[in-house]
């Protein structure tokens, strides 16, 4: 079992969801977050005052998958999120030692579904 965490641009979320659904991955958690990476933000002027904006809006996807879905999930996220520009995002893959479905008490691969 793996936990896949992806940071993507907010406007790419519909494309990533479409790619994930096509790969038969339907369960995910989506969170709006702020962060910066290589983009390092930007400057904007408001009423003559320059403001440095270095925390940019991003979307965080968290998807728990069984081993056979790891590569499919990564490829789907990359396909949907890629623009070829700085700021496309990152994908992290973590080991998931345990999963428990609260409703049924199932554990492991069965709990992820």
C-alpha atoms as a PDB file:
ATOM      1  CA  UNK A   1       0.000   0.000   0.000  1.00  0.00           C
ATOM      2  CA  UNK A   2       1.214   3.478  -0.870  1.00  0.00           C
ATOM      3  CA  UNK A   3       0.102   7.016  -0.132  1.00  0.00           C
ATOM      4  CA  UNK A   4       0.558   9.276  -3.140  1.00  0.00           C
ATOM      5  CA  UNK A   5       0.667  12.995  -2.430  1.00  0.00           C
ATOM      6  CA  UNK A   6       0.672  15.436  -5.329  1.00  0.00           C
ATOM      7  CA  UNK A   7       0.968  19.216  -5.362  1.00  0.00           C
ATOM      8  CA  UNK A   8      -0.503  20.656  -8.554  1.00  0.00           C
ATOM      9  CA  UNK A   9      -1.718  23.944  -9.965  1.00  0.00           C
ATOM     10  CA  UNK A  10      -5.377  24.634  -9.121  1.00  0.00           C
ATOM     11  CA  UNK A  11      -6.475  25.105 -12.731  1.00  0.00           C
ATOM     12  CA  UNK A  12      -5.149  21.626 -13.618  1.00  0.00           C
ATOM     13  CA  UNK A  13      -7.383  19.804 -11.100  1.00  0.00           C
ATOM     14  CA  UNK A  14     -10.154  18.991 -13.633  1.00  0.00           C
ATOM     15  CA  UNK A  15      -7.577  17.520 -16.051  1.00  0.00           C
ATOM     16  CA  UNK A  16      -5.958  15.447 -13.290  1.00  0.00           C
ATOM     17  CA  UNK A  17      -9.343  14.156 -12.096  1.00  0.00           C
ATOM     18  CA  UNK A  18     -10.284  13.177 -15.654  1.00  0.00           C
ATOM     19  CA  UNK A  19      -6.976  11.306 -16.080  1.00  0.00           C
ATOM     20  CA  UNK A  20      -7.381   9.566 -12.701  1.00  0.00           C
ATOM     21  CA  UNK A  21     -10.951   8.496 -13.487  1.00  0.00           C
ATOM     22  CA  UNK A  22      -9.753   7.118 -16.846  1.00  0.00           C
ATOM     23  CA  UNK A  23      -7.149   5.071 -14.903  1.00  0.00           C
ATOM     24  CA  UNK A  24      -9.949   3.740 -12.649  1.00  0.00           C
ATOM     25  CA  UNK A  25      -8.754   5.725  -9.610  1.00  0.00           C
ATOM     26  CA  UNK A  26     -11.794   7.352  -7.995  1.00  0.00           C
ATOM     27  CA  UNK A  27     -10.902   7.861  -4.321  1.00  0.00           C
ATOM     28  CA  UNK A  28      -8.914  10.940  -3.338  1.00  0.00           C
ATOM     29  CA  UNK A  29      -8.706  13.786  -0.870  1.00  0.00           C
ATOM     30  CA  UNK A  30      -8.278  17.298  -2.290  1.00  0.00           C
ATOM     31  CA  UNK A  31      -7.077  20.273  -0.235  1.00  0.00           C
ATOM     32  CA  UNK A  32      -6.339  23.888  -1.184  1.00  0.00           C
ATOM     33  CA  UNK A  33      -2.873  24.827   0.089  1.00  0.00           C
ATOM     34  CA  UNK A  34      -0.262  27.580  -0.228  1.00  0.00           C
ATOM     35  CA  UNK A  35       3.368  26.944  -1.098  1.00  0.00           C
ATOM     36  CA  UNK A  36       6.343  27.851  -3.197  1.00  0.00           C
ATOM     37  CA  UNK A  37       9.038  25.972  -5.013  1.00  0.00           C
ATOM     38  CA  UNK A  38      11.188  26.899  -7.990  1.00  0.00           C
ATOM     39  CA  UNK A  39       8.669  29.556  -8.998  1.00  0.00           C
ATOM     40  CA  UNK A  40       9.667  31.652  -5.970  1.00  0.00           C
ATOM     41  CA  UNK A  41       6.494  33.711  -6.294  1.00  0.00           C
ATOM     42  CA  UNK A  42       6.063  37.073  -7.972  1.00  0.00           C
ATOM     43  CA  UNK A  43       5.830  40.811  -7.270  1.00  0.00           C
ATOM     44  CA  UNK A  44       2.738  42.911  -7.722  1.00  0.00           C
ATOM     45  CA  UNK A  45       2.069  46.579  -7.181  1.00  0.00           C
ATOM     46  CA  UNK A  46      -1.063  47.723  -5.375  1.00  0.00           C
ATOM     47  CA  UNK A  47      -1.645  51.438  -4.895  1.00  0.00           C
ATOM     48  CA  UNK A  48       1.996  52.167  -5.531  1.00  0.00           C
ATOM     49  CA  UNK A  49       3.300  49.652  -2.996  1.00  0.00           C
ATOM     50  CA  UNK A  50       5.220  46.616  -4.215  1.00  0.00           C
ATOM     51  CA  UNK A  51       4.137  43.355  -2.568  1.00  0.00           C
ATOM     52  CA  UNK A  52       6.122  40.141  -2.756  1.00  0.00           C
ATOM     53  CA  UNK A  53       3.824  37.151  -3.175  1.00  0.00           C
ATOM     54  CA  UNK A  54       5.918  34.044  -2.525  1.00  0.00           C
ATOM     55  CA  UNK A  55       3.231  31.631  -1.332  1.00  0.00           C
ATOM     56  CA  UNK A  56       1.222  30.551  -4.346  1.00  0.00           C
ATOM     57  CA  UNK A  57      -2.094  28.704  -4.457  1.00  0.00           C
ATOM     58  CA  UNK A  58      -1.727  24.977  -5.038  1.00  0.00           C
ATOM     59  CA  UNK A  59      -3.933  21.912  -4.734  1.00  0.00           C
ATOM     60  CA  UNK A  60      -2.818  18.911  -2.665  1.00  0.00           C
ATOM     61  CA  UNK A  61      -4.113  15.482  -3.689  1.00  0.00           C
ATOM     62  CA  UNK A  62      -3.801  12.530  -1.336  1.00  0.00           C
ATOM     63  CA  UNK A  63      -4.545   9.115  -2.781  1.00  0.00           C
ATOM     64  CA  UNK A  64      -4.093   5.784  -0.988  1.00  0.00           C
ATOM     65  CA  UNK A  65      -3.615   2.940  -3.468  1.00  0.00           C
ATOM     66  CA  UNK A  66      -2.713  -0.720  -3.538  1.00  0.00           C
ATOM     67  CA  UNK A  67       0.592  -1.672  -5.197  1.00  0.00           C
ATOM     68  CA  UNK A  68      -0.940  -2.471  -8.598  1.00  0.00           C
ATOM     69  CA  UNK A  69      -2.313   1.081  -8.918  1.00  0.00           C
ATOM     70  CA  UNK A  70       0.838   3.024  -7.978  1.00  0.00           C
ATOM     71  CA  UNK A  71       2.274   3.455 -11.483  1.00  0.00           C
ATOM     72  CA  UNK A  72      -1.141   4.074 -13.051  1.00  0.00           C
ATOM     73  CA  UNK A  73      -1.897   6.786 -10.498  1.00  0.00           C
ATOM     74  CA  UNK A  74       1.464   8.517 -10.923  1.00  0.00           C
ATOM     75  CA  UNK A  75       1.174   8.504 -14.726  1.00  0.00           C
ATOM     76  CA  UNK A  76      -2.389   9.846 -14.592  1.00  0.00           C
ATOM     77  CA  UNK A  77      -1.440  12.710 -12.266  1.00  0.00           C
ATOM     78  CA  UNK A  78       1.589  13.621 -14.368  1.00  0.00           C
ATOM     79  CA  UNK A  79      -0.455  13.492 -17.580  1.00  0.00           C
ATOM     80  CA  UNK A  80      -3.194  15.731 -16.207  1.00  0.00           C
ATOM     81  CA  UNK A  81      -0.945  18.234 -14.416  1.00  0.00           C
ATOM     82  CA  UNK A  82       1.871  18.708 -16.930  1.00  0.00           C
ATOM     83  CA  UNK A  83       2.148  22.012 -18.771  1.00  0.00           C
ATOM     84  CA  UNK A  84       5.917  21.926 -19.276  1.00  0.00           C
ATOM     85  CA  UNK A  85       6.407  25.096 -17.237  1.00  0.00           C
ATOM     86  CA  UNK A  86       7.950  25.727 -13.835  1.00  0.00           C
ATOM     87  CA  UNK A  87       5.324  25.178 -11.141  1.00  0.00           C
ATOM     88  CA  UNK A  88       3.654  22.067 -12.553  1.00  0.00           C
ATOM     89  CA  UNK A  89       4.075  20.453  -9.137  1.00  0.00           C
ATOM     90  CA  UNK A  90       5.488  17.397  -7.428  1.00  0.00           C
ATOM     91  CA  UNK A  91       4.399  13.832  -6.695  1.00  0.00           C
ATOM     92  CA  UNK A  92       5.494  12.082  -3.498  1.00  0.00           C
ATOM     93  CA  UNK A  93       5.091   8.347  -2.891  1.00  0.00           C
ATOM     94  CA  UNK A  94       5.109   7.142   0.720  1.00  0.00           C
ATOM     95  CA  UNK A  95       4.763   3.700   2.241  1.00  0.00           C
ATOM     96  CA  UNK A  96       1.418   3.202   3.939  1.00  0.00           C
ATOM     97  CA  UNK A  97       1.909   0.633   6.701  1.00  0.00           C
ATOM     98  CA  UNK A  98      -1.735   0.323   7.701  1.00  0.00           C
ATOM     99  CA  UNK A  99      -5.215   1.312   6.570  1.00  0.00           C
ATOM    100  CA  UNK A 100      -8.469   0.698   8.437  1.00  0.00           C
ATOM    101  CA  UNK A 101     -11.964   1.251   7.093  1.00  0.00           C
ATOM    102  CA  UNK A 102     -13.907   2.576  10.067  1.00  0.00           C
ATOM    103  CA  UNK A 103     -17.346   1.434   8.903  1.00  0.00           C
ATOM    104  CA  UNK A 104     -16.494  -2.262   8.456  1.00  0.00           C
ATOM    105  CA  UNK A 105     -13.276  -2.682  10.403  1.00  0.00           C
ATOM    106  CA  UNK A 106     -11.501  -4.029   7.295  1.00  0.00           C
ATOM    107  CA  UNK A 107      -7.751  -3.541   7.242  1.00  0.00           C
ATOM    108  CA  UNK A 108      -4.968  -3.503   4.658  1.00  0.00           C
ATOM    109  CA  UNK A 109      -5.615  -3.768   0.914  1.00  0.00           C
ATOM    110  CA  UNK A 110      -9.335  -4.468   1.388  1.00  0.00           C
ATOM    111  CA  UNK A 111      -9.783  -1.226   3.334  1.00  0.00           C
ATOM    112  CA  UNK A 112      -8.341   0.862   0.503  1.00  0.00           C
ATOM    113  CA  UNK A 113     -10.652  -0.743  -2.031  1.00  0.00           C
END
